């Protein structure tokens, strides 16, 4: 979570993103671990509510799948981890694509500005030459 733009997201969204990432990587989740990844948050109590909400949603998703399909807890957890991993990887892929598109846009704008500058210089030179001839 090194990107500064993520600090503008609501705390809940940031906690959810961190939990999704840790879950995808099969790491043990805790409020303290999530808090350590959010250095701008002073108190762990700020993390508790969204962390609990994320955990409750995870448990509800797992129980729902278990109830509907009759799969074991281990299978459901593994499956949910893979689904989360896939979603996080897709999000990262799209973020990278967006960054590349923005870089290309910026390069195109710079090229356009240089071309406009050359155009104006050539127009001024042409006007000056026209005055000298006429």
N, C-alpha and C. Protein backbone atom coordinates (compact mmCIF):
# COMPACT_ATOMS: atom_id res chain seq x y z
N UNK A 1 0.82 -1.19 0.00
CA UNK A 1 0.00 0.00 0.00
C UNK A 1 0.87 1.25 0.00
N UNK A 2 1.85 1.29 -0.82
CA UNK A 2 2.78 2.41 -0.82
C UNK A 2 2.27 3.59 -1.61
N UNK A 3 1.25 3.39 -2.43
CA UNK A 3 0.73 4.44 -3.28
C UNK A 3 0.02 5.48 -2.44
N UNK A 4 0.43 6.74 -2.53
CA UNK A 4 -0.16 7.81 -1.72
C UNK A 4 -1.62 8.05 -2.05
N UNK A 5 -2.06 7.74 -3.26
CA UNK A 5 -3.46 7.95 -3.61
C UNK A 5 -4.36 7.06 -2.79
N UNK A 6 -3.85 5.96 -2.29
CA UNK A 6 -4.67 5.06 -1.50
C UNK A 6 -5.00 5.68 -0.15
N UNK A 7 -4.21 6.64 0.33
CA UNK A 7 -4.49 7.30 1.60
C UNK A 7 -5.72 8.18 1.49
N UNK A 8 -6.15 8.51 0.28
CA UNK A 8 -7.35 9.32 0.11
C UNK A 8 -8.60 8.46 0.15
N UNK A 9 -8.46 7.14 0.05
CA UNK A 9 -9.60 6.24 0.14
C UNK A 9 -10.12 6.21 1.58
N UNK A 10 -11.41 5.94 1.73
CA UNK A 10 -11.92 5.78 3.10
C UNK A 10 -11.20 4.64 3.82
N UNK A 11 -11.09 4.76 5.13
CA UNK A 11 -10.40 3.75 5.94
C UNK A 11 -10.96 2.36 5.67
N UNK A 12 -12.27 2.25 5.58
CA UNK A 12 -12.92 0.96 5.34
C UNK A 12 -12.40 0.32 4.04
N UNK A 13 -12.35 1.10 2.98
CA UNK A 13 -11.88 0.57 1.69
C UNK A 13 -10.42 0.13 1.77
N UNK A 14 -9.62 0.91 2.48
CA UNK A 14 -8.21 0.55 2.62
C UNK A 14 -8.05 -0.73 3.43
N UNK A 15 -8.82 -0.85 4.52
CA UNK A 15 -8.76 -2.07 5.34
C UNK A 15 -9.20 -3.27 4.50
N UNK A 16 -10.28 -3.11 3.75
CA UNK A 16 -10.76 -4.21 2.91
C UNK A 16 -9.70 -4.62 1.88
N UNK A 17 -9.05 -3.65 1.26
CA UNK A 17 -8.02 -3.95 0.26
C UNK A 17 -6.85 -4.69 0.89
N UNK A 18 -6.42 -4.26 2.06
CA UNK A 18 -5.31 -4.93 2.75
C UNK A 18 -5.72 -6.34 3.14
N UNK A 19 -6.91 -6.50 3.70
CA UNK A 19 -7.38 -7.83 4.09
C UNK A 19 -7.50 -8.75 2.88
N UNK A 20 -8.03 -8.23 1.78
CA UNK A 20 -8.12 -9.04 0.55
C UNK A 20 -6.74 -9.51 0.11
N UNK A 21 -5.78 -8.59 0.14
CA UNK A 21 -4.43 -8.93 -0.28
C UNK A 21 -3.80 -9.97 0.64
N UNK A 22 -3.92 -9.77 1.95
CA UNK A 22 -3.35 -10.74 2.89
C UNK A 22 -4.03 -12.09 2.77
N UNK A 23 -5.33 -12.10 2.62
CA UNK A 23 -6.08 -13.34 2.48
C UNK A 23 -5.66 -14.07 1.21
N UNK A 24 -5.51 -13.30 0.12
CA UNK A 24 -5.09 -13.88 -1.16
C UNK A 24 -3.72 -14.55 -1.03
N UNK A 25 -2.84 -13.93 -0.23
CA UNK A 25 -1.49 -14.47 -0.05
C UNK A 25 -1.43 -15.50 1.07
N UNK A 26 -2.60 -15.87 1.59
CA UNK A 26 -2.72 -16.91 2.62
C UNK A 26 -1.97 -16.53 3.89
N UNK A 27 -1.97 -15.26 4.22
CA UNK A 27 -1.32 -14.80 5.45
C UNK A 27 -2.37 -14.69 6.55
N UNK A 28 -1.93 -14.93 7.76
CA UNK A 28 -2.83 -14.82 8.91
C UNK A 28 -3.19 -13.35 9.10
N UNK A 29 -4.46 -13.08 9.21
CA UNK A 29 -4.94 -11.72 9.36
C UNK A 29 -5.10 -11.35 10.83
N UNK A 30 -4.80 -10.10 11.14
CA UNK A 30 -5.05 -9.57 12.48
C UNK A 30 -5.19 -8.06 12.36
N UNK A 31 -5.87 -7.49 13.33
CA UNK A 31 -6.04 -6.04 13.35
C UNK A 31 -4.67 -5.37 13.42
N UNK A 32 -3.78 -5.91 14.23
CA UNK A 32 -2.44 -5.30 14.38
C UNK A 32 -1.65 -5.34 13.06
N UNK A 33 -1.76 -6.44 12.33
CA UNK A 33 -1.06 -6.53 11.05
C UNK A 33 -1.61 -5.51 10.06
N UNK A 34 -2.93 -5.43 9.98
CA UNK A 34 -3.55 -4.45 9.08
C UNK A 34 -3.15 -3.04 9.51
N UNK A 35 -3.18 -2.78 10.81
CA UNK A 35 -2.79 -1.46 11.33
C UNK A 35 -1.35 -1.13 10.96
N UNK A 36 -0.47 -2.11 11.02
CA UNK A 36 0.94 -1.87 10.69
C UNK A 36 1.13 -1.47 9.23
N UNK A 37 0.16 -1.81 8.39
CA UNK A 37 0.24 -1.49 6.97
C UNK A 37 -0.45 -0.15 6.66
N UNK A 38 -0.92 0.52 7.71
CA UNK A 38 -1.58 1.81 7.56
C UNK A 38 -0.93 2.80 8.53
N UNK A 39 0.30 3.24 8.25
CA UNK A 39 1.04 4.07 9.20
C UNK A 39 0.39 5.42 9.50
N UNK A 40 -0.52 5.87 8.66
CA UNK A 40 -1.18 7.15 8.89
C UNK A 40 -2.32 7.04 9.91
N UNK A 41 -2.71 5.81 10.26
CA UNK A 41 -3.76 5.60 11.26
C UNK A 41 -3.08 5.42 12.62
N UNK A 42 -3.44 6.24 13.58
CA UNK A 42 -2.76 6.24 14.88
C UNK A 42 -3.23 5.09 15.76
N UNK A 43 -4.53 4.86 15.82
CA UNK A 43 -5.08 3.90 16.78
C UNK A 43 -5.61 2.64 16.09
N UNK A 44 -5.36 1.50 16.71
CA UNK A 44 -5.90 0.25 16.16
C UNK A 44 -7.42 0.22 16.26
N UNK A 45 -7.99 0.99 17.16
CA UNK A 45 -9.45 1.00 17.30
C UNK A 45 -10.12 1.50 16.02
N UNK A 46 -9.41 2.32 15.25
CA UNK A 46 -9.94 2.81 13.98
C UNK A 46 -10.08 1.66 12.97
N UNK A 47 -9.24 0.66 13.12
CA UNK A 47 -9.21 -0.48 12.20
C UNK A 47 -10.24 -1.55 12.59
N UNK A 48 -10.58 -1.64 13.86
CA UNK A 48 -11.42 -2.74 14.36
C UNK A 48 -12.74 -2.91 13.62
N UNK A 49 -13.51 -1.84 13.47
CA UNK A 49 -14.84 -1.97 12.87
C UNK A 49 -14.77 -2.46 11.42
N UNK A 50 -13.98 -1.82 10.53
CA UNK A 50 -13.93 -2.33 9.16
C UNK A 50 -13.30 -3.73 9.07
N UNK A 51 -12.35 -4.01 9.95
CA UNK A 51 -11.73 -5.35 9.97
C UNK A 51 -12.79 -6.40 10.32
N UNK A 52 -13.58 -6.13 11.35
CA UNK A 52 -14.64 -7.06 11.75
C UNK A 52 -15.66 -7.21 10.63
N UNK A 53 -15.99 -6.10 9.98
CA UNK A 53 -16.95 -6.16 8.86
C UNK A 53 -16.40 -7.05 7.74
N UNK A 54 -15.11 -6.90 7.42
CA UNK A 54 -14.50 -7.73 6.38
C UNK A 54 -14.53 -9.20 6.78
N UNK A 55 -14.17 -9.49 8.03
CA UNK A 55 -14.18 -10.87 8.52
C UNK A 55 -15.60 -11.45 8.49
N UNK A 56 -16.59 -10.66 8.89
CA UNK A 56 -17.98 -11.12 8.86
C UNK A 56 -18.42 -11.43 7.43
N UNK A 57 -18.05 -10.56 6.49
CA UNK A 57 -18.41 -10.80 5.09
C UNK A 57 -17.73 -12.06 4.56
N UNK A 58 -16.47 -12.26 4.93
CA UNK A 58 -15.75 -13.46 4.52
C UNK A 58 -16.46 -14.71 5.05
N UNK A 59 -16.77 -14.68 6.32
CA UNK A 59 -17.44 -15.84 6.93
C UNK A 59 -18.80 -16.08 6.28
N UNK A 60 -19.55 -15.02 6.00
CA UNK A 60 -20.87 -15.16 5.37
C UNK A 60 -20.73 -15.76 3.97
N UNK A 61 -19.73 -15.30 3.22
CA UNK A 61 -19.52 -15.85 1.86
C UNK A 61 -19.16 -17.33 1.94
N UNK A 62 -18.30 -17.65 2.88
CA UNK A 62 -17.88 -19.05 3.01
C UNK A 62 -19.04 -19.93 3.46
N UNK A 63 -19.81 -19.46 4.41
CA UNK A 63 -20.94 -20.26 4.90
C UNK A 63 -22.00 -20.40 3.81
N UNK A 64 -22.21 -19.36 3.04
CA UNK A 64 -23.19 -19.41 1.96
C UNK A 64 -22.79 -20.47 0.94
N UNK A 65 -21.52 -20.48 0.56
CA UNK A 65 -21.05 -21.49 -0.39
C UNK A 65 -21.16 -22.87 0.22
N UNK A 66 -20.81 -22.99 1.49
CA UNK A 66 -20.87 -24.27 2.17
C UNK A 66 -22.30 -24.79 2.18
N UNK A 67 -23.24 -23.91 2.53
CA UNK A 67 -24.64 -24.30 2.60
C UNK A 67 -25.19 -24.68 1.22
N UNK A 68 -24.87 -23.90 0.22
CA UNK A 68 -25.42 -24.13 -1.12
C UNK A 68 -24.83 -25.36 -1.79
N UNK A 69 -23.55 -25.54 -1.63
CA UNK A 69 -22.87 -26.59 -2.39
C UNK A 69 -22.42 -27.78 -1.56
N UNK A 70 -22.42 -27.64 -0.26
CA UNK A 70 -22.03 -28.75 0.60
C UNK A 70 -20.54 -29.04 0.61
N UNK A 71 -19.71 -28.05 0.27
CA UNK A 71 -18.27 -28.25 0.27
C UNK A 71 -17.71 -28.14 1.68
N UNK A 72 -16.55 -28.72 1.89
CA UNK A 72 -15.89 -28.64 3.19
C UNK A 72 -15.37 -27.23 3.44
N UNK A 73 -15.14 -26.92 4.71
CA UNK A 73 -14.59 -25.61 5.08
C UNK A 73 -13.25 -25.37 4.40
N UNK A 74 -12.40 -26.38 4.37
CA UNK A 74 -11.06 -26.23 3.77
C UNK A 74 -11.18 -25.90 2.28
N UNK A 75 -12.10 -26.59 1.60
CA UNK A 75 -12.27 -26.32 0.17
C UNK A 75 -12.81 -24.91 -0.04
N UNK A 76 -13.81 -24.53 0.73
CA UNK A 76 -14.41 -23.21 0.58
C UNK A 76 -13.37 -22.12 0.84
N UNK A 77 -12.55 -22.29 1.89
CA UNK A 77 -11.51 -21.30 2.19
C UNK A 77 -10.50 -21.22 1.06
N UNK A 78 -10.08 -22.36 0.55
CA UNK A 78 -9.12 -22.38 -0.55
C UNK A 78 -9.72 -21.73 -1.79
N UNK A 79 -10.97 -22.06 -2.08
CA UNK A 79 -11.64 -21.50 -3.25
C UNK A 79 -11.78 -19.98 -3.11
N UNK A 80 -12.21 -19.53 -1.94
CA UNK A 80 -12.38 -18.10 -1.72
C UNK A 80 -11.05 -17.36 -1.82
N UNK A 81 -9.99 -17.98 -1.35
CA UNK A 81 -8.66 -17.38 -1.45
C UNK A 81 -8.28 -17.21 -2.92
N UNK A 82 -8.57 -18.22 -3.73
CA UNK A 82 -8.25 -18.14 -5.16
C UNK A 82 -9.10 -17.10 -5.87
N UNK A 83 -10.37 -17.02 -5.52
CA UNK A 83 -11.23 -16.00 -6.12
C UNK A 83 -10.73 -14.61 -5.75
N UNK A 84 -10.38 -14.43 -4.50
CA UNK A 84 -9.86 -13.14 -4.04
C UNK A 84 -8.55 -12.82 -4.75
N UNK A 85 -7.67 -13.80 -4.85
CA UNK A 85 -6.38 -13.61 -5.53
C UNK A 85 -6.61 -13.20 -6.98
N UNK A 86 -7.53 -13.88 -7.64
CA UNK A 86 -7.82 -13.56 -9.03
C UNK A 86 -8.32 -12.12 -9.16
N UNK A 87 -9.21 -11.72 -8.27
CA UNK A 87 -9.74 -10.36 -8.30
C UNK A 87 -8.66 -9.32 -8.05
N UNK A 88 -7.80 -9.58 -7.08
CA UNK A 88 -6.72 -8.64 -6.77
C UNK A 88 -5.74 -8.54 -7.93
N UNK A 89 -5.41 -9.68 -8.53
CA UNK A 89 -4.48 -9.67 -9.68
C UNK A 89 -5.09 -8.93 -10.86
N UNK A 90 -6.38 -9.13 -11.10
CA UNK A 90 -7.05 -8.42 -12.19
C UNK A 90 -7.04 -6.92 -11.92
N UNK A 91 -7.30 -6.54 -10.67
CA UNK A 91 -7.28 -5.12 -10.32
C UNK A 91 -5.89 -4.53 -10.54
N UNK A 92 -4.85 -5.25 -10.13
CA UNK A 92 -3.48 -4.77 -10.34
C UNK A 92 -3.16 -4.64 -11.83
N UNK A 93 -3.62 -5.59 -12.61
CA UNK A 93 -3.40 -5.57 -14.06
C UNK A 93 -4.06 -4.32 -14.65
N UNK A 94 -5.29 -4.04 -14.24
CA UNK A 94 -6.00 -2.87 -14.77
C UNK A 94 -5.38 -1.57 -14.28
N UNK A 95 -4.88 -1.54 -13.05
CA UNK A 95 -4.19 -0.35 -12.56
C UNK A 95 -2.95 -0.08 -13.41
N UNK A 96 -2.20 -1.15 -13.72
CA UNK A 96 -1.01 -1.00 -14.54
C UNK A 96 -1.37 -0.49 -15.93
N UNK A 97 -2.44 -1.04 -16.50
CA UNK A 97 -2.88 -0.59 -17.82
C UNK A 97 -3.28 0.88 -17.78
N UNK A 98 -3.95 1.30 -16.71
CA UNK A 98 -4.36 2.69 -16.58
C UNK A 98 -3.14 3.60 -16.46
N UNK A 99 -2.16 3.18 -15.67
CA UNK A 99 -0.93 3.97 -15.53
C UNK A 99 -0.22 4.11 -16.86
N UNK A 100 -0.13 3.01 -17.62
CA UNK A 100 0.51 3.06 -18.93
C UNK A 100 -0.25 3.99 -19.87
N UNK A 101 -1.57 3.92 -19.85
CA UNK A 101 -2.38 4.79 -20.70
C UNK A 101 -2.16 6.26 -20.32
N UNK A 102 -2.09 6.54 -19.03
CA UNK A 102 -1.85 7.92 -18.58
C UNK A 102 -0.47 8.40 -19.02
N UNK A 103 0.52 7.54 -18.95
CA UNK A 103 1.87 7.91 -19.41
C UNK A 103 1.87 8.20 -20.90
N UNK A 104 1.17 7.37 -21.68
CA UNK A 104 1.08 7.59 -23.12
C UNK A 104 0.36 8.90 -23.42
N UNK A 105 -0.70 9.19 -22.67
CA UNK A 105 -1.43 10.44 -22.85
C UNK A 105 -0.52 11.62 -22.56
N UNK A 106 0.23 11.55 -21.46
CA UNK A 106 1.13 12.64 -21.10
C UNK A 106 2.20 12.86 -22.17
N UNK A 107 2.73 11.76 -22.70
CA UNK A 107 3.73 11.86 -23.77
C UNK A 107 3.13 12.49 -25.01
N UNK A 108 1.91 12.10 -25.36
CA UNK A 108 1.24 12.68 -26.52
C UNK A 108 0.99 14.17 -26.33
N UNK A 109 0.61 14.57 -25.13
CA UNK A 109 0.37 15.99 -24.85
C UNK A 109 1.68 16.77 -24.96
N UNK A 110 2.77 16.21 -24.43
CA UNK A 110 4.07 16.87 -24.55
C UNK A 110 4.47 17.00 -26.02
N UNK A 111 4.27 15.94 -26.80
CA UNK A 111 4.58 16.00 -28.23
C UNK A 111 3.74 17.07 -28.93
N UNK A 112 2.48 17.15 -28.58
CA UNK A 112 1.59 18.15 -29.17
C UNK A 112 2.07 19.56 -28.81
N UNK A 113 2.46 19.76 -27.55
CA UNK A 113 2.94 21.08 -27.12
C UNK A 113 4.20 21.47 -27.89
N UNK A 114 5.12 20.51 -28.08
CA UNK A 114 6.35 20.80 -28.84
C UNK A 114 6.01 21.12 -30.29
N UNK A 115 5.08 20.38 -30.86
CA UNK A 115 4.68 20.62 -32.24
C UNK A 115 4.03 21.99 -32.39
N UNK A 116 3.16 22.35 -31.45
CA UNK A 116 2.53 23.67 -31.48
C UNK A 116 3.57 24.77 -31.37
N UNK A 117 4.55 24.57 -30.49
CA UNK A 117 5.61 25.56 -30.33
C UNK A 117 6.38 25.73 -31.64
N UNK A 118 6.71 24.63 -32.31
CA UNK A 118 7.40 24.70 -33.60
C UNK A 118 6.52 25.40 -34.64
N UNK A 119 5.23 25.10 -34.60
CA UNK A 119 4.30 25.72 -35.55
C UNK A 119 4.28 27.23 -35.37
N UNK A 120 4.17 27.68 -34.11
CA UNK A 120 4.12 29.12 -33.85
C UNK A 120 5.43 29.80 -34.24
N UNK A 121 6.55 29.14 -33.99
CA UNK A 121 7.85 29.70 -34.38
C UNK A 121 7.94 29.81 -35.90
N UNK A 122 7.50 28.76 -36.59
CA UNK A 122 7.54 28.78 -38.06
C UNK A 122 6.57 29.81 -38.63
N UNK A 123 5.41 29.96 -37.98
CA UNK A 123 4.44 30.98 -38.43
C UNK A 123 5.02 32.37 -38.27
N UNK A 124 5.68 32.61 -37.13
CA UNK A 124 6.29 33.92 -36.90
C UNK A 124 7.41 34.17 -37.91
N UNK A 125 8.20 33.15 -38.18
CA UNK A 125 9.28 33.28 -39.16
C UNK A 125 8.72 33.56 -40.53
N UNK A 126 7.65 32.87 -40.89
CA UNK A 126 7.01 33.06 -42.20
C UNK A 126 6.47 34.48 -42.32
N UNK A 127 5.82 34.98 -41.28
CA UNK A 127 5.30 36.35 -41.29
C UNK A 127 6.43 37.36 -41.43
N UNK A 128 7.53 37.11 -40.72
CA UNK A 128 8.67 38.02 -40.80
C UNK A 128 9.24 38.02 -42.23
N UNK A 129 9.36 36.84 -42.82
CA UNK A 129 9.90 36.75 -44.18
C UNK A 129 8.93 37.40 -45.18
N UNK A 130 7.65 37.24 -44.95
CA UNK A 130 6.67 37.85 -45.85
C UNK A 130 6.77 39.37 -45.77
N UNK A 131 6.99 39.91 -44.57
CA UNK A 131 7.15 41.34 -44.44
C UNK A 131 8.41 41.83 -45.14
N UNK A 132 9.50 41.04 -45.04
CA UNK A 132 10.75 41.43 -45.69
C UNK A 132 10.61 41.39 -47.20
N UNK A 133 9.86 40.46 -47.72
CA UNK A 133 9.68 40.35 -49.18
C UNK A 133 8.72 41.42 -49.66
N UNK A 134 7.68 41.66 -48.94
CA UNK A 134 6.63 42.58 -49.39
C UNK A 134 6.86 43.94 -48.95
